[in-house]
Amino acid sequence: VQLQASGGGLVQAGGSLRLSCAASGLTFSTYTMAWFRQAPGKEREFVSRISRSGLITYYSDSVKGRFTVSRDNAKNTTYLQMNSLNPDDTAVYYCAADKTTFVTTPRTAVDYWGQGTLVTVSS
């Protein structure tokens, strides 16, 4: 199983980025997908989850209203659109695949992790 995250970079505060996570080696449509992030010196934290169909989404309070998660099962890809970025969003962002159907949970126990992509927000 491979989860390849991309789209990170340097952006000014108030700007936007869209992360992508391309999955292979698994039946993508049978996995809940999630995004997490880890800031320097901090623990990895939950960002967002999306159901297998894409109809149910869940966000941490810190990103709700600014970030939007989506998926394209035909392309085996999930996305994280990040708007109104601020320096506190600076982190390595990870995508993950989870067999659970329980979407509205911030749990960090998942089946597969992808490599991270760095997002840096300058003030």
C-alpha atoms as a PDB file:
ATOM      1  CA  VAL A   1       0.000   0.000   0.000  1.00  0.00           C
ATOM      2  CA  GLN A   2       1.252   3.447  -0.902  1.00  0.00           C
ATOM      3  CA  LEU A   3      -0.242   6.786   0.005  1.00  0.00           C
ATOM      4  CA  GLN A   4       1.572   9.572  -1.816  1.00  0.00           C
ATOM      5  CA  ALA A   5       0.826  13.037  -0.459  1.00  0.00           C
ATOM      6  CA  SER A   6       1.729  16.125  -2.438  1.00  0.00           C
ATOM      7  CA  GLY A   7       0.894  19.797  -2.765  1.00  0.00           C
ATOM      8  CA  GLY A   8       2.675  21.220   0.239  1.00  0.00           C
ATOM      9  CA  GLY A   9       4.786  24.322   0.079  1.00  0.00           C
ATOM     10  CA  LEU A  10       5.342  27.823   1.358  1.00  0.00           C
ATOM     11  CA  VAL A  11       2.384  30.181   1.448  1.00  0.00           C
ATOM     12  CA  GLN A  12       1.675  33.524   3.059  1.00  0.00           C
ATOM     13  CA  ALA A  13      -0.854  33.885   5.829  1.00  0.00           C
ATOM     14  CA  GLY A  14      -4.328  34.147   4.367  1.00  0.00           C
ATOM     15  CA  GLY A  15      -3.397  32.067   1.368  1.00  0.00           C
ATOM     16  CA  SER A  16      -4.553  28.670   0.165  1.00  0.00           C
ATOM     17  CA  LEU A  17      -3.100  25.308  -0.731  1.00  0.00           C
ATOM     18  CA  ARG A  18      -4.589  22.058  -1.952  1.00  0.00           C
ATOM     19  CA  LEU A  19      -3.042  18.812  -0.839  1.00  0.00           C
ATOM     20  CA  SER A  20      -3.530  15.579  -2.728  1.00  0.00           C
ATOM     21  CA  CYS A  21      -3.060  12.001  -1.627  1.00  0.00           C
ATOM     22  CA  ALA A  22      -2.855   9.332  -4.305  1.00  0.00           C
ATOM     23  CA  ALA A  23      -3.438   5.789  -3.084  1.00  0.00           C
ATOM     24  CA  SER A  24      -2.324   2.513  -4.603  1.00  0.00           C
ATOM     25  CA  GLY A  25      -2.235  -1.090  -3.519  1.00  0.00           C
ATOM     26  CA  LEU A  26      -5.600  -0.998  -1.814  1.00  0.00           C
ATOM     27  CA  THR A  27      -9.251  -0.889  -2.783  1.00  0.00           C
ATOM     28  CA  PHE A  28      -9.535   2.838  -2.259  1.00  0.00           C
ATOM     29  CA  SER A  29     -13.314   3.058  -2.160  1.00  0.00           C
ATOM     30  CA  THR A  30     -13.476   0.701   0.826  1.00  0.00           C
ATOM     31  CA  TYR A  31     -11.340   2.932   3.050  1.00  0.00           C
ATOM     32  CA  THR A  32     -12.206   5.970   5.080  1.00  0.00           C
ATOM     33  CA  MET A  33      -9.506   8.529   4.392  1.00  0.00           C
ATOM     34  CA  ALA A  34      -8.045  10.969   6.866  1.00  0.00           C
ATOM     35  CA  TRP A  35      -5.599  13.829   7.153  1.00  0.00           C
ATOM     36  CA  PHE A  36      -3.355  14.501  10.122  1.00  0.00           C
ATOM     37  CA  ARG A  37      -0.608  17.000  10.774  1.00  0.00           C
ATOM     38  CA  GLN A  38       2.413  17.312  12.989  1.00  0.00           C
ATOM     39  CA  ALA A  39       3.924  20.659  13.845  1.00  0.00           C
ATOM     40  CA  PRO A  40       7.550  20.929  15.014  1.00  0.00           C
ATOM     41  CA  GLY A  41       7.865  19.760  18.595  1.00  0.00           C
ATOM     42  CA  LYS A  42       4.239  18.697  18.805  1.00  0.00           C
ATOM     43  CA  GLU A  43       2.335  15.451  18.601  1.00  0.00           C
ATOM     44  CA  ARG A  44       0.559  14.367  15.462  1.00  0.00           C
ATOM     45  CA  GLU A  45      -3.000  15.656  15.469  1.00  0.00           C
ATOM     46  CA  PHE A  46      -6.171  14.870  13.593  1.00  0.00           C
ATOM     47  CA  VAL A  47      -7.298  17.273  10.866  1.00  0.00           C
ATOM     48  CA  SER A  48     -10.099  15.691   8.873  1.00  0.00           C
ATOM     49  CA  ARG A  49     -11.822  12.469   7.856  1.00  0.00           C
ATOM     50  CA  ILE A  50     -14.000  11.546   4.908  1.00  0.00           C
ATOM     51  CA  SER A  51     -16.249   8.553   4.471  1.00  0.00           C
ATOM     52  CA  ARG A  52     -15.842   5.940   1.782  1.00  0.00           C
ATOM     53  CA  SER A  53     -18.535   7.524  -0.350  1.00  0.00           C
ATOM     54  CA  GLY A  54     -17.382  11.052   0.356  1.00  0.00           C
ATOM     55  CA  LEU A  55     -20.778  12.026   1.737  1.00  0.00           C
ATOM     56  CA  ILE A  56     -19.699  12.347   5.371  1.00  0.00           C
ATOM     57  CA  THR A  57     -16.858  14.572   6.491  1.00  0.00           C
ATOM     58  CA  TYR A  58     -15.471  15.494   9.884  1.00  0.00           C
ATOM     59  CA  TYR A  59     -13.015  18.196  10.952  1.00  0.00           C
ATOM     60  CA  SER A  60     -11.071  19.265  13.960  1.00  0.00           C
ATOM     61  CA  ASP A  61     -12.276  22.493  15.509  1.00  0.00           C
ATOM     62  CA  SER A  62      -9.037  24.212  14.537  1.00  0.00           C
ATOM     63  CA  VAL A  63      -9.668  23.807  10.800  1.00  0.00           C
ATOM     64  CA  LYS A  64     -13.456  23.666  10.570  1.00  0.00           C
ATOM     65  CA  GLY A  65     -14.763  26.265   8.142  1.00  0.00           C
ATOM     66  CA  ARG A  66     -11.347  26.762   6.518  1.00  0.00           C
ATOM     67  CA  PHE A  67     -10.406  23.300   5.258  1.00  0.00           C
ATOM     68  CA  THR A  68     -12.428  21.036   2.980  1.00  0.00           C
ATOM     69  CA  VAL A  69     -11.734  17.352   2.459  1.00  0.00           C
ATOM     70  CA  SER A  70     -12.902  15.537  -0.649  1.00  0.00           C
ATOM     71  CA  ARG A  71     -12.162  12.395  -2.598  1.00  0.00           C
ATOM     72  CA  ASP A  72     -12.368  11.011  -6.105  1.00  0.00           C
ATOM     73  CA  ASN A  73     -12.760   7.261  -5.944  1.00  0.00           C
ATOM     74  CA  ALA A  74     -12.274   6.960  -9.690  1.00  0.00           C
ATOM     75  CA  LYS A  75      -8.811   8.477  -9.283  1.00  0.00           C
ATOM     76  CA  ASN A  76      -7.969   6.816  -5.951  1.00  0.00           C
ATOM     77  CA  THR A  77      -7.210  10.250  -4.587  1.00  0.00           C
ATOM     78  CA  THR A  78      -8.247  12.340  -1.636  1.00  0.00           C
ATOM     79  CA  TYR A  79      -7.786  16.090  -1.348  1.00  0.00           C
ATOM     80  CA  LEU A  80      -7.508  18.680   1.366  1.00  0.00           C
ATOM     81  CA  GLN A  81      -8.327  22.215   0.306  1.00  0.00           C
ATOM     82  CA  MET A  82      -6.874  24.606   2.854  1.00  0.00           C
ATOM     83  CA  ASN A  83      -7.998  28.228   2.882  1.00  0.00           C
ATOM     84  CA  SER A  84      -7.305  31.173   5.169  1.00  0.00           C
ATOM     85  CA  LEU A  85      -4.065  29.599   6.267  1.00  0.00           C
ATOM     86  CA  ASN A  86      -2.269  30.977   9.280  1.00  0.00           C
ATOM     87  CA  PRO A  87       1.153  30.271  10.806  1.00  0.00           C
ATOM     88  CA  ASP A  88      -0.399  27.816  13.271  1.00  0.00           C
ATOM     89  CA  ASP A  89      -1.195  25.577  10.297  1.00  0.00           C
ATOM     90  CA  THR A  90       2.510  25.076   9.640  1.00  0.00           C
ATOM     91  CA  ALA A  91       3.149  21.337   9.880  1.00  0.00           C
ATOM     92  CA  VAL A  92       3.894  18.179   8.005  1.00  0.00           C
ATOM     93  CA  TYR A  93       0.580  16.891   6.708  1.00  0.00           C
ATOM     94  CA  TYR A  94      -0.060  13.167   6.430  1.00  0.00           C
ATOM     95  CA  CYS A  95      -2.825  11.249   4.744  1.00  0.00           C
ATOM     96  CA  ALA A  96      -4.038   7.950   6.097  1.00  0.00           C
ATOM     97  CA  ALA A  97      -6.343   5.110   5.147  1.00  0.00           C
ATOM     98  CA  ASP A  98      -8.642   3.587   7.696  1.00  0.00           C
ATOM     99  CA  LYS A  99     -10.894   0.540   7.368  1.00  0.00           C
ATOM    100  CA  THR A 100     -13.270   1.824   9.996  1.00  0.00           C
ATOM    101  CA  THR A 101     -16.605   3.175   8.842  1.00  0.00           C
ATOM    102  CA  PHE A 102     -16.742   5.470  11.878  1.00  0.00           C
ATOM    103  CA  VAL A 103     -15.980   8.853  10.364  1.00  0.00           C
ATOM    104  CA  THR A 104     -16.784  11.338  13.128  1.00  0.00           C
ATOM    105  CA  THR A 105     -13.790  10.487  15.261  1.00  0.00           C
ATOM    106  CA  PRO A 106     -10.406  12.126  15.725  1.00  0.00           C
ATOM    107  CA  ARG A 107      -8.714   8.823  16.490  1.00  0.00           C
ATOM    108  CA  THR A 108      -5.180   8.438  15.212  1.00  0.00           C
ATOM    109  CA  ALA A 109      -5.237   4.654  14.926  1.00  0.00           C
ATOM    110  CA  VAL A 110      -5.388   3.963  11.203  1.00  0.00           C
ATOM    111  CA  ASP A 111      -4.426   1.110   8.936  1.00  0.00           C
ATOM    112  CA  TYR A 112      -1.990   2.876   6.621  1.00  0.00           C
ATOM    113  CA  TRP A 113      -0.008   6.083   6.763  1.00  0.00           C
ATOM    114  CA  GLY A 114       1.372   8.025   3.861  1.00  0.00           C
ATOM    115  CA  GLN A 115       4.549  10.034   3.830  1.00  0.00           C
ATOM    116  CA  GLY A 116       4.087  13.653   4.776  1.00  0.00           C
ATOM    117  CA  THR A 117       4.097  16.857   2.808  1.00  0.00           C
ATOM    118  CA  LEU A 118       5.351  20.030   4.444  1.00  0.00           C
ATOM    119  CA  VAL A 119       3.141  23.096   4.645  1.00  0.00           C
ATOM    120  CA  THR A 120       4.780  26.304   5.817  1.00  0.00           C
ATOM    121  CA  VAL A 121       2.695  29.418   6.393  1.00  0.00           C
ATOM    122  CA  SER A 122       4.607  32.660   6.750  1.00  0.00           C
ATOM    123  CA  SER A 123       3.226  35.631   8.664  1.00  0.00           C
END
